[in-house]
Amino acid sequence: MLRAAWRALNSIRTQWATQALGLPGGGGARPPSDHGGLPAPRGLVLRAARGYAVRKPVRPSQEDDPPLSTTLLKDYQNVPGIEKTDDVVKRLLSLEMANQKEKLKIRQEQLMNKVVANPEDTSSLEARIVALTVKIRNYEEHMQKHRKDKAHKRYLLMSIDQRKKMLKNLRKTNYNVFEKTCKELGIEYTFPPLYYRKAHRRWVTKKALCIRVFQEAQKLKKQKRALKAAAAAARKQGQTNPESPSSVGPEAIKENQ
């Protein structure tokens, strides 16, 4: 019951807001209050005006989309005598009454005929880019109607990233096909940055520690090389001077005494 009352109150508020904005159906009168004849809050009109200004219309379908009411389904295009049937029957057998899967399939076939040399080849890079483009346009139309759908927004961003990687590979391998694909599909390719990583405190501290450890390791290696060089020089000096106090015999010591 409370929910129904809240909905009725919201509908009354929207009617008052449209009257205050001077939209059709009202003469710009000030809305009455919700609490015992008190004046309505000023923020109500501002919120309604902002919502009316921010509201965006649903984007129309792409130019590549086939006409829904005149294009028959693929199963009924080659039926003999289909052209002589009634308009109502044609409309029932057209894309207008088809499900979303069939519409996407026909869109993909039309784009494949434009972009890909062999439409039956679905494993090439340009064919996969066409399939992703059809999927991205479908997600965009869905997001225009349902803006708070987080799952489809995630799928949309993932598909866009995947298409960017495919376009990058296609640009490296076959530039002419890349240009044709971007032109036919209406894609504006932007070069990705060479390297980008958001620097936060933990990453900066870790990087400073890694640099310090690397410098200490270089110092230890330098000290080891110096010690090895000193030991090699001492060994070499001992080989050049073989006579030492330890090598003198006992007879020579007695003579000196």
C-alpha atoms as a PDB file:
ATOM      1  CA  MET A   1       0.000   0.000   0.000  1.00  0.00           C
ATOM      2  CA  LEU A   2       2.817   2.374   0.846  1.00  0.00           C
ATOM      3  CA  ARG A   3       4.488   1.566  -2.457  1.00  0.00           C
ATOM      4  CA  ALA A   4       1.304   2.411  -4.390  1.00  0.00           C
ATOM      5  CA  ALA A   5       0.970   5.695  -2.494  1.00  0.00           C
ATOM      6  CA  TRP A   6       4.602   6.548  -3.256  1.00  0.00           C
ATOM      7  CA  ARG A   7       4.071   5.885  -6.970  1.00  0.00           C
ATOM      8  CA  ALA A   8       0.966   8.093  -7.004  1.00  0.00           C
ATOM      9  CA  LEU A   9       2.892  10.871  -5.262  1.00  0.00           C
ATOM     10  CA  ASN A  10       5.720  10.621  -7.819  1.00  0.00           C
ATOM     11  CA  SER A  11       3.270  10.848 -10.726  1.00  0.00           C
ATOM     12  CA  ILE A  12       1.677  13.967  -9.183  1.00  0.00           C
ATOM     13  CA  ARG A  13       5.117  15.527  -8.721  1.00  0.00           C
ATOM     14  CA  THR A  14       6.059  14.932 -12.348  1.00  0.00           C
ATOM     15  CA  GLN A  15       2.790  16.556 -13.477  1.00  0.00           C
ATOM     16  CA  TRP A  16       3.526  19.597 -11.340  1.00  0.00           C
ATOM     17  CA  ALA A  17       7.077  19.774 -12.690  1.00  0.00           C
ATOM     18  CA  THR A  18       5.863  19.733 -16.304  1.00  0.00           C
ATOM     19  CA  GLN A  19       3.392  22.508 -15.511  1.00  0.00           C
ATOM     20  CA  ALA A  20       6.130  24.566 -13.875  1.00  0.00           C
ATOM     21  CA  LEU A  21       8.408  24.112 -16.921  1.00  0.00           C
ATOM     22  CA  GLY A  22       5.662  25.345 -19.262  1.00  0.00           C
ATOM     23  CA  LEU A  23       5.391  22.044 -21.122  1.00  0.00           C
ATOM     24  CA  PRO A  24       2.112  21.118 -22.900  1.00  0.00           C
ATOM     25  CA  GLY A  25      -0.691  20.459 -20.462  1.00  0.00           C
ATOM     26  CA  GLY A  26       0.038  23.235 -17.942  1.00  0.00           C
ATOM     27  CA  GLY A  27       0.112  26.985 -17.718  1.00  0.00           C
ATOM     28  CA  GLY A  28       3.194  27.377 -15.591  1.00  0.00           C
ATOM     29  CA  ALA A  29       1.271  27.308 -12.291  1.00  0.00           C
ATOM     30  CA  ARG A  30       3.125  26.776  -9.062  1.00  0.00           C
ATOM     31  CA  PRO A  31       2.639  23.282  -7.671  1.00  0.00           C
ATOM     32  CA  PRO A  32       0.866  22.947  -4.359  1.00  0.00           C
ATOM     33  CA  SER A  33       2.681  21.564  -1.355  1.00  0.00           C
ATOM     34  CA  ASP A  34       2.857  18.034  -0.069  1.00  0.00           C
ATOM     35  CA  HIS A  35       2.505  18.947   3.577  1.00  0.00           C
ATOM     36  CA  GLY A  36      -0.653  20.839   4.500  1.00  0.00           C
ATOM     37  CA  GLY A  37      -0.653  23.646   1.931  1.00  0.00           C
ATOM     38  CA  LEU A  38       2.992  24.687   2.416  1.00  0.00           C
ATOM     39  CA  PRO A  39       4.923  25.839  -0.680  1.00  0.00           C
ATOM     40  CA  ALA A  40       6.662  23.108  -2.643  1.00  0.00           C
ATOM     41  CA  PRO A  41      10.436  22.789  -2.286  1.00  0.00           C
ATOM     42  CA  ARG A  42      12.464  24.669  -4.840  1.00  0.00           C
ATOM     43  CA  GLY A  43      14.714  21.686  -5.554  1.00  0.00           C
ATOM     44  CA  LEU A  44      11.819  19.678  -6.985  1.00  0.00           C
ATOM     45  CA  VAL A  45      11.485  21.919 -10.047  1.00  0.00           C
ATOM     46  CA  LEU A  46      15.273  22.051 -10.508  1.00  0.00           C
ATOM     47  CA  ARG A  47      15.566  18.258 -10.366  1.00  0.00           C
ATOM     48  CA  ALA A  48      12.749  17.861 -12.864  1.00  0.00           C
ATOM     49  CA  ALA A  49      14.331  20.430 -15.190  1.00  0.00           C
ATOM     50  CA  ARG A  50      17.744  18.754 -14.988  1.00  0.00           C
ATOM     51  CA  GLY A  51      16.241  15.343 -15.646  1.00  0.00           C
ATOM     52  CA  TYR A  52      14.374  16.686 -18.667  1.00  0.00           C
ATOM     53  CA  ALA A  53      17.547  18.321 -20.021  1.00  0.00           C
ATOM     54  CA  VAL A  54      19.837  15.339 -19.406  1.00  0.00           C
ATOM     55  CA  ARG A  55      17.416  12.784 -20.848  1.00  0.00           C
ATOM     56  CA  LYS A  56      18.723  11.539 -24.200  1.00  0.00           C
ATOM     57  CA  PRO A  57      16.621  10.005 -26.952  1.00  0.00           C
ATOM     58  CA  VAL A  58      17.238   6.430 -27.979  1.00  0.00           C
ATOM     59  CA  ARG A  59      19.684   6.341 -30.863  1.00  0.00           C
ATOM     60  CA  PRO A  60      18.074   5.213 -34.124  1.00  0.00           C
ATOM     61  CA  SER A  61      19.240   2.060 -35.827  1.00  0.00           C
ATOM     62  CA  GLN A  62      22.285   1.977 -38.050  1.00  0.00           C
ATOM     63  CA  GLU A  63      22.167   2.798 -41.747  1.00  0.00           C
ATOM     64  CA  ASP A  64      23.314  -0.730 -42.560  1.00  0.00           C
ATOM     65  CA  ASP A  65      20.234  -2.242 -40.920  1.00  0.00           C
ATOM     66  CA  PRO A  66      17.728  -3.739 -43.373  1.00  0.00           C
ATOM     67  CA  PRO A  67      14.149  -2.350 -43.479  1.00  0.00           C
ATOM     68  CA  LEU A  68      12.188  -4.437 -41.012  1.00  0.00           C
ATOM     69  CA  SER A  69       8.720  -4.270 -42.591  1.00  0.00           C
ATOM     70  CA  THR A  70       9.763  -5.075 -46.195  1.00  0.00           C
ATOM     71  CA  THR A  71      12.556  -7.638 -45.720  1.00  0.00           C
ATOM     72  CA  LEU A  72      11.257 -11.197 -45.512  1.00  0.00           C
ATOM     73  CA  LEU A  73      12.875 -13.871 -43.422  1.00  0.00           C
ATOM     74  CA  LYS A  74      15.434 -16.054 -45.133  1.00  0.00           C
ATOM     75  CA  ASP A  75      13.217 -19.152 -44.950  1.00  0.00           C
ATOM     76  CA  TYR A  76      10.370 -17.447 -46.850  1.00  0.00           C
ATOM     77  CA  GLN A  77      12.273 -15.452 -49.484  1.00  0.00           C
ATOM     78  CA  ASN A  78      12.368 -18.264 -52.055  1.00  0.00           C
ATOM     79  CA  VAL A  79       8.816 -19.524 -51.507  1.00  0.00           C
ATOM     80  CA  PRO A  80       6.891 -19.480 -54.837  1.00  0.00           C
ATOM     81  CA  GLY A  81       4.043 -16.967 -54.920  1.00  0.00           C
ATOM     82  CA  ILE A  82       5.184 -15.058 -51.851  1.00  0.00           C
ATOM     83  CA  GLU A  83       5.074 -11.763 -53.751  1.00  0.00           C
ATOM     84  CA  LYS A  84       1.336 -12.115 -54.451  1.00  0.00           C
ATOM     85  CA  THR A  85       0.379 -12.615 -50.823  1.00  0.00           C
ATOM     86  CA  ASP A  86      -1.360 -10.026 -48.680  1.00  0.00           C
ATOM     87  CA  ASP A  87       0.586  -7.230 -46.986  1.00  0.00           C
ATOM     88  CA  VAL A  88      -0.475  -8.481 -43.575  1.00  0.00           C
ATOM     89  CA  VAL A  89       1.000 -11.921 -44.302  1.00  0.00           C
ATOM     90  CA  LYS A  90       4.226 -10.335 -45.582  1.00  0.00           C
ATOM     91  CA  ARG A  91       4.491  -8.285 -42.430  1.00  0.00           C
ATOM     92  CA  LEU A  92       4.022 -11.386 -40.290  1.00  0.00           C
ATOM     93  CA  LEU A  93       6.817 -13.118 -42.225  1.00  0.00           C
ATOM     94  CA  SER A  94       9.116 -10.064 -42.208  1.00  0.00           C
ATOM     95  CA  LEU A  95      11.956  -9.127 -39.888  1.00  0.00           C
ATOM     96  CA  GLU A  96       9.637  -6.902 -37.881  1.00  0.00           C
ATOM     97  CA  MET A  97       8.107  -9.983 -36.257  1.00  0.00           C
ATOM     98  CA  ALA A  98      11.388 -11.893 -35.986  1.00  0.00           C
ATOM     99  CA  ASN A  99      13.349 -12.344 -32.784  1.00  0.00           C
ATOM    100  CA  GLN A 100      16.570 -10.506 -32.008  1.00  0.00           C
ATOM    101  CA  LYS A 101      18.803 -13.446 -32.929  1.00  0.00           C
ATOM    102  CA  GLU A 102      17.500 -13.562 -36.515  1.00  0.00           C
ATOM    103  CA  LYS A 103      17.834  -9.790 -36.897  1.00  0.00           C
ATOM    104  CA  LEU A 104      21.472  -9.899 -35.760  1.00  0.00           C
ATOM    105  CA  LYS A 105      22.167 -12.795 -38.112  1.00  0.00           C
ATOM    106  CA  ILE A 106      20.869 -10.855 -41.139  1.00  0.00           C
ATOM    107  CA  ARG A 107      22.805  -7.737 -40.125  1.00  0.00           C
ATOM    108  CA  GLN A 108      25.978  -9.795 -39.863  1.00  0.00           C
ATOM    109  CA  GLU A 109      25.400 -11.376 -43.285  1.00  0.00           C
ATOM    110  CA  GLN A 110      24.948  -7.973 -44.935  1.00  0.00           C
ATOM    111  CA  LEU A 111      28.115  -6.571 -43.358  1.00  0.00           C
ATOM    112  CA  MET A 112      30.053  -9.734 -44.257  1.00  0.00           C
ATOM    113  CA  ASN A 113      29.070  -9.275 -47.915  1.00  0.00           C
ATOM    114  CA  LYS A 114      30.427  -5.720 -47.782  1.00  0.00           C
ATOM    115  CA  VAL A 115      33.701  -6.322 -45.943  1.00  0.00           C
ATOM    116  CA  VAL A 116      34.834  -9.933 -46.404  1.00  0.00           C
ATOM    117  CA  ALA A 117      35.887 -11.242 -49.813  1.00  0.00           C
ATOM    118  CA  ASN A 118      34.548 -14.736 -49.064  1.00  0.00           C
ATOM    119  CA  PRO A 119      31.447 -14.447 -46.809  1.00  0.00           C
ATOM    120  CA  GLU A 120      31.603 -18.147 -45.953  1.00  0.00           C
ATOM    121  CA  ASP A 121      35.020 -17.662 -44.320  1.00  0.00           C
ATOM    122  CA  THR A 122      34.170 -16.811 -40.692  1.00  0.00           C
ATOM    123  CA  SER A 123      37.628 -17.481 -39.228  1.00  0.00           C
ATOM    124  CA  SER A 124      39.486 -14.516 -40.754  1.00  0.00           C
ATOM    125  CA  LEU A 125      40.277 -11.395 -38.746  1.00  0.00           C
ATOM    126  CA  GLU A 126      37.928  -9.124 -40.685  1.00  0.00           C
ATOM    127  CA  ALA A 127      35.042 -11.613 -40.315  1.00  0.00           C
ATOM    128  CA  ARG A 128      35.524 -11.748 -36.548  1.00  0.00           C
ATOM    129  CA  ILE A 129      35.675  -7.938 -36.434  1.00  0.00           C
ATOM    130  CA  VAL A 130      32.334  -7.794 -38.287  1.00  0.00           C
ATOM    131  CA  ALA A 131      30.762 -10.229 -35.802  1.00  0.00           C
ATOM    132  CA  LEU A 132      32.063  -8.183 -32.859  1.00  0.00           C
ATOM    133  CA  THR A 133      30.792  -4.946 -34.429  1.00  0.00           C
ATOM    134  CA  VAL A 134      27.269  -6.365 -34.739  1.00  0.00           C
ATOM    135  CA  LYS A 135      27.430  -7.482 -31.112  1.00  0.00           C
ATOM    136  CA  ILE A 136      28.714  -4.073 -29.969  1.00  0.00           C
ATOM    137  CA  ARG A 137      25.897  -2.241 -31.782  1.00  0.00           C
ATOM    138  CA  ASN A 138      23.360  -4.541 -30.154  1.00  0.00           C
ATOM    139  CA  TYR A 139      24.856  -3.829 -26.713  1.00  0.00           C
ATOM    140  CA  GLU A 140      24.791  -0.073 -27.399  1.00  0.00           C
ATOM    141  CA  GLU A 141      21.101  -0.169 -28.317  1.00  0.00           C
ATOM    142  CA  HIS A 142      20.402  -2.168 -25.160  1.00  0.00           C
ATOM    143  CA  MET A 143      22.348   0.295 -22.991  1.00  0.00           C
ATOM    144  CA  GLN A 144      20.408   3.231 -24.432  1.00  0.00           C
ATOM    145  CA  LYS A 145      17.217   1.681 -23.075  1.00  0.00           C
ATOM    146  CA  HIS A 146      18.631   0.143 -19.874  1.00  0.00           C
ATOM    147  CA  ARG A 147      21.377   2.422 -18.595  1.00  0.00           C
ATOM    148  CA  LYS A 148      21.814   0.705 -15.225  1.00  0.00           C
ATOM    149  CA  ASP A 149      22.504  -2.745 -16.655  1.00  0.00           C
ATOM    150  CA  LYS A 150      26.023  -3.311 -15.330  1.00  0.00           C
ATOM    151  CA  ALA A 151      26.462  -6.770 -16.859  1.00  0.00           C
ATOM    152  CA  HIS A 152      25.779  -5.621 -20.437  1.00  0.00           C
ATOM    153  CA  LYS A 153      27.997  -2.585 -19.878  1.00  0.00           C
ATOM    154  CA  ARG A 154      30.834  -4.931 -18.903  1.00  0.00           C
ATOM    155  CA  TYR A 155      30.203  -7.115 -21.979  1.00  0.00           C
ATOM    156  CA  LEU A 156      30.231  -3.971 -24.149  1.00  0.00           C
ATOM    157  CA  LEU A 157      33.603  -2.791 -22.813  1.00  0.00           C
ATOM    158  CA  MET A 158      35.111  -6.275 -23.156  1.00  0.00           C
ATOM    159  CA  SER A 159      33.925  -6.538 -26.768  1.00  0.00           C
ATOM    160  CA  ILE A 160      35.344  -3.099 -27.607  1.00  0.00           C
ATOM    161  CA  ASP A 161      38.743  -4.038 -26.135  1.00  0.00           C
ATOM    162  CA  GLN A 162      38.756  -7.318 -28.038  1.00  0.00           C
ATOM    163  CA  ARG A 163      37.921  -5.521 -31.294  1.00  0.00           C
ATOM    164  CA  LYS A 164      40.752  -3.027 -30.670  1.00  0.00           C
ATOM    165  CA  LYS A 165      43.248  -5.881 -30.388  1.00  0.00           C
ATOM    166  CA  MET A 166      41.949  -7.481 -33.602  1.00  0.00           C
ATOM    167  CA  LEU A 167      42.127  -4.161 -35.474  1.00  0.00           C
ATOM    168  CA  LYS A 168      45.694  -3.688 -34.257  1.00  0.00           C
ATOM    169  CA  ASN A 169      46.705  -7.129 -35.554  1.00  0.00           C
ATOM    170  CA  LEU A 170      44.889  -6.569 -38.855  1.00  0.00           C
ATOM    171  CA  ARG A 171      46.643  -3.217 -39.289  1.00  0.00           C
ATOM    172  CA  LYS A 172      50.019  -4.910 -38.859  1.00  0.00           C
ATOM    173  CA  THR A 173      49.299  -7.804 -41.227  1.00  0.00           C
ATOM    174  CA  ASN A 174      47.127  -6.329 -44.007  1.00  0.00           C
ATOM    175  CA  TYR A 175      46.753  -2.551 -44.085  1.00  0.00           C
ATOM    176  CA  ASN A 176      44.499  -2.382 -47.160  1.00  0.00           C
ATOM    177  CA  VAL A 177      41.924  -4.744 -45.644  1.00  0.00           C
ATOM    178  CA  PHE A 178      42.193  -2.769 -42.400  1.00  0.00           C
ATOM    179  CA  GLU A 179      41.319   0.492 -44.175  1.00  0.00           C
ATOM    180  CA  LYS A 180      38.410  -1.128 -46.027  1.00  0.00           C
ATOM    181  CA  THR A 181      37.045  -2.668 -42.823  1.00  0.00           C
ATOM    182  CA  CYS A 182      37.169   0.604 -40.902  1.00  0.00           C
ATOM    183  CA  LYS A 183      35.543   2.480 -43.780  1.00  0.00           C
ATOM    184  CA  GLU A 184      32.684   0.018 -44.309  1.00  0.00           C
ATOM    185  CA  LEU A 185      31.931  -0.447 -40.606  1.00  0.00           C
ATOM    186  CA  GLY A 186      32.339   3.227 -39.708  1.00  0.00           C
ATOM    187  CA  ILE A 187      35.072   2.586 -37.135  1.00  0.00           C
ATOM    188  CA  GLU A 188      37.434   5.388 -36.154  1.00  0.00           C
ATOM    189  CA  TYR A 189      40.715   3.746 -35.159  1.00  0.00           C
ATOM    190  CA  THR A 190      42.784   5.540 -32.505  1.00  0.00           C
ATOM    191  CA  PHE A 191      46.347   4.536 -31.670  1.00  0.00           C
ATOM    192  CA  PRO A 192      46.673   3.040 -28.189  1.00  0.00           C
ATOM    193  CA  PRO A 193      49.297   4.507 -25.786  1.00  0.00           C
ATOM    194  CA  LEU A 194      52.663   2.781 -25.679  1.00  0.00           C
ATOM    195  CA  TYR A 195      52.515   2.159 -21.932  1.00  0.00           C
ATOM    196  CA  TYR A 196      50.184   3.409 -19.257  1.00  0.00           C
ATOM    197  CA  ARG A 197      49.970   2.427 -15.637  1.00  0.00           C
ATOM    198  CA  LYS A 198      48.376   4.364 -12.829  1.00  0.00           C
ATOM    199  CA  ALA A 199      51.032   5.210 -10.220  1.00  0.00           C
ATOM    200  CA  HIS A 200      49.804   4.688  -6.652  1.00  0.00           C
ATOM    201  CA  ARG A 201      51.697   4.685  -3.391  1.00  0.00           C
ATOM    202  CA  ARG A 202      52.133   0.936  -3.152  1.00  0.00           C
ATOM    203  CA  TRP A 203      53.475   0.685  -6.718  1.00  0.00           C
ATOM    204  CA  VAL A 204      55.893   3.610  -6.193  1.00  0.00           C
ATOM    205  CA  THR A 205      57.210   2.060  -2.950  1.00  0.00           C
ATOM    206  CA  LYS A 206      57.655  -1.320  -4.620  1.00  0.00           C
ATOM    207  CA  LYS A 207      59.498   0.263  -7.539  1.00  0.00           C
ATOM    208  CA  ALA A 208      61.846   2.188  -5.201  1.00  0.00           C
ATOM    209  CA  LEU A 209      62.579  -1.034  -3.267  1.00  0.00           C
ATOM    210  CA  CYS A 210      63.332  -2.930  -6.489  1.00  0.00           C
ATOM    211  CA  ILE A 211      65.712  -0.176  -7.628  1.00  0.00           C
ATOM    212  CA  ARG A 212      67.515  -0.210  -4.268  1.00  0.00           C
ATOM    213  CA  VAL A 213      67.868  -4.010  -4.292  1.00  0.00           C
ATOM    214  CA  PHE A 214      69.254  -3.836  -7.841  1.00  0.00           C
ATOM    215  CA  GLN A 215      71.827  -1.210  -6.825  1.00  0.00           C
ATOM    216  CA  GLU A 216      72.954  -3.258  -3.787  1.00  0.00           C
ATOM    217  CA  ALA A 217      73.297  -6.368  -5.956  1.00  0.00           C
ATOM    218  CA  GLN A 218      75.445  -4.421  -8.424  1.00  0.00           C
ATOM    219  CA  LYS A 219      77.680  -3.232  -5.561  1.00  0.00           C
ATOM    220  CA  LEU A 220      78.147  -6.796  -4.281  1.00  0.00           C
ATOM    221  CA  LYS A 221      79.026  -8.014  -7.762  1.00  0.00           C
ATOM    222  CA  LYS A 222      81.577  -5.209  -8.105  1.00  0.00           C
ATOM    223  CA  GLN A 223      83.167  -6.114  -4.757  1.00  0.00           C
ATOM    224  CA  LYS A 224      83.360  -9.794  -5.738  1.00  0.00           C
ATOM    225  CA  ARG A 225      85.044  -8.882  -9.007  1.00  0.00           C
ATOM    226  CA  ALA A 226      87.573  -6.714  -7.130  1.00  0.00           C
ATOM    227  CA  LEU A 227      88.364  -9.532  -4.672  1.00  0.00           C
ATOM    228  CA  LYS A 228      88.822 -12.025  -7.502  1.00  0.00           C
ATOM    229  CA  ALA A 229      91.151  -9.633  -9.319  1.00  0.00           C
ATOM    230  CA  ALA A 230      93.225  -9.095  -6.136  1.00  0.00           C
ATOM    231  CA  ALA A 231      93.495 -12.849  -5.519  1.00  0.00           C
ATOM    232  CA  ALA A 232      94.545 -13.438  -9.125  1.00  0.00           C
ATOM    233  CA  ALA A 233      97.205 -10.709  -8.870  1.00  0.00           C
ATOM    234  CA  ALA A 234      98.563 -12.233  -5.612  1.00  0.00           C
ATOM    235  CA  ARG A 235      98.746 -15.668  -7.234  1.00  0.00           C
ATOM    236  CA  LYS A 236     100.548 -14.260 -10.215  1.00  0.00           C
ATOM    237  CA  GLN A 237     103.058 -12.423  -7.990  1.00  0.00           C
ATOM    238  CA  GLY A 238     103.762 -15.630  -6.030  1.00  0.00           C
ATOM    239  CA  GLN A 239     104.511 -17.478  -9.269  1.00  0.00           C
ATOM    240  CA  THR A 240     107.031 -14.813 -10.398  1.00  0.00           C
ATOM    241  CA  ASN A 241     108.900 -14.859  -6.967  1.00  0.00           C
ATOM    242  CA  PRO A 242     109.202 -18.591  -6.050  1.00  0.00           C
ATOM    243  CA  GLU A 243     111.926 -18.012  -3.293  1.00  0.00           C
ATOM    244  CA  SER A 244     110.286 -17.310   0.034  1.00  0.00           C
ATOM    245  CA  PRO A 245     111.325 -17.840   3.709  1.00  0.00           C
ATOM    246  CA  SER A 246     109.441 -21.084   3.826  1.00  0.00           C
ATOM    247  CA  SER A 247     111.315 -22.487   0.845  1.00  0.00           C
ATOM    248  CA  VAL A 248     114.833 -21.863   2.318  1.00  0.00           C
ATOM    249  CA  GLY A 249     116.470 -25.060   3.631  1.00  0.00           C
ATOM    250  CA  PRO A 250     117.840 -25.638   7.226  1.00  0.00           C
ATOM    251  CA  GLU A 251     121.509 -25.596   6.064  1.00  0.00           C
ATOM    252  CA  ALA A 252     121.238 -22.013   4.850  1.00  0.00           C
ATOM    253  CA  ILE A 253     119.783 -21.004   8.236  1.00  0.00           C
ATOM    254  CA  LYS A 254     122.741 -22.602  10.105  1.00  0.00           C
ATOM    255  CA  GLU A 255     125.310 -20.804   7.911  1.00  0.00           C
ATOM    256  CA  ASN A 256     123.693 -17.477   8.623  1.00  0.00           C
ATOM    257  CA  GLN A 257     123.876 -18.181  12.352  1.00  0.00           C
END
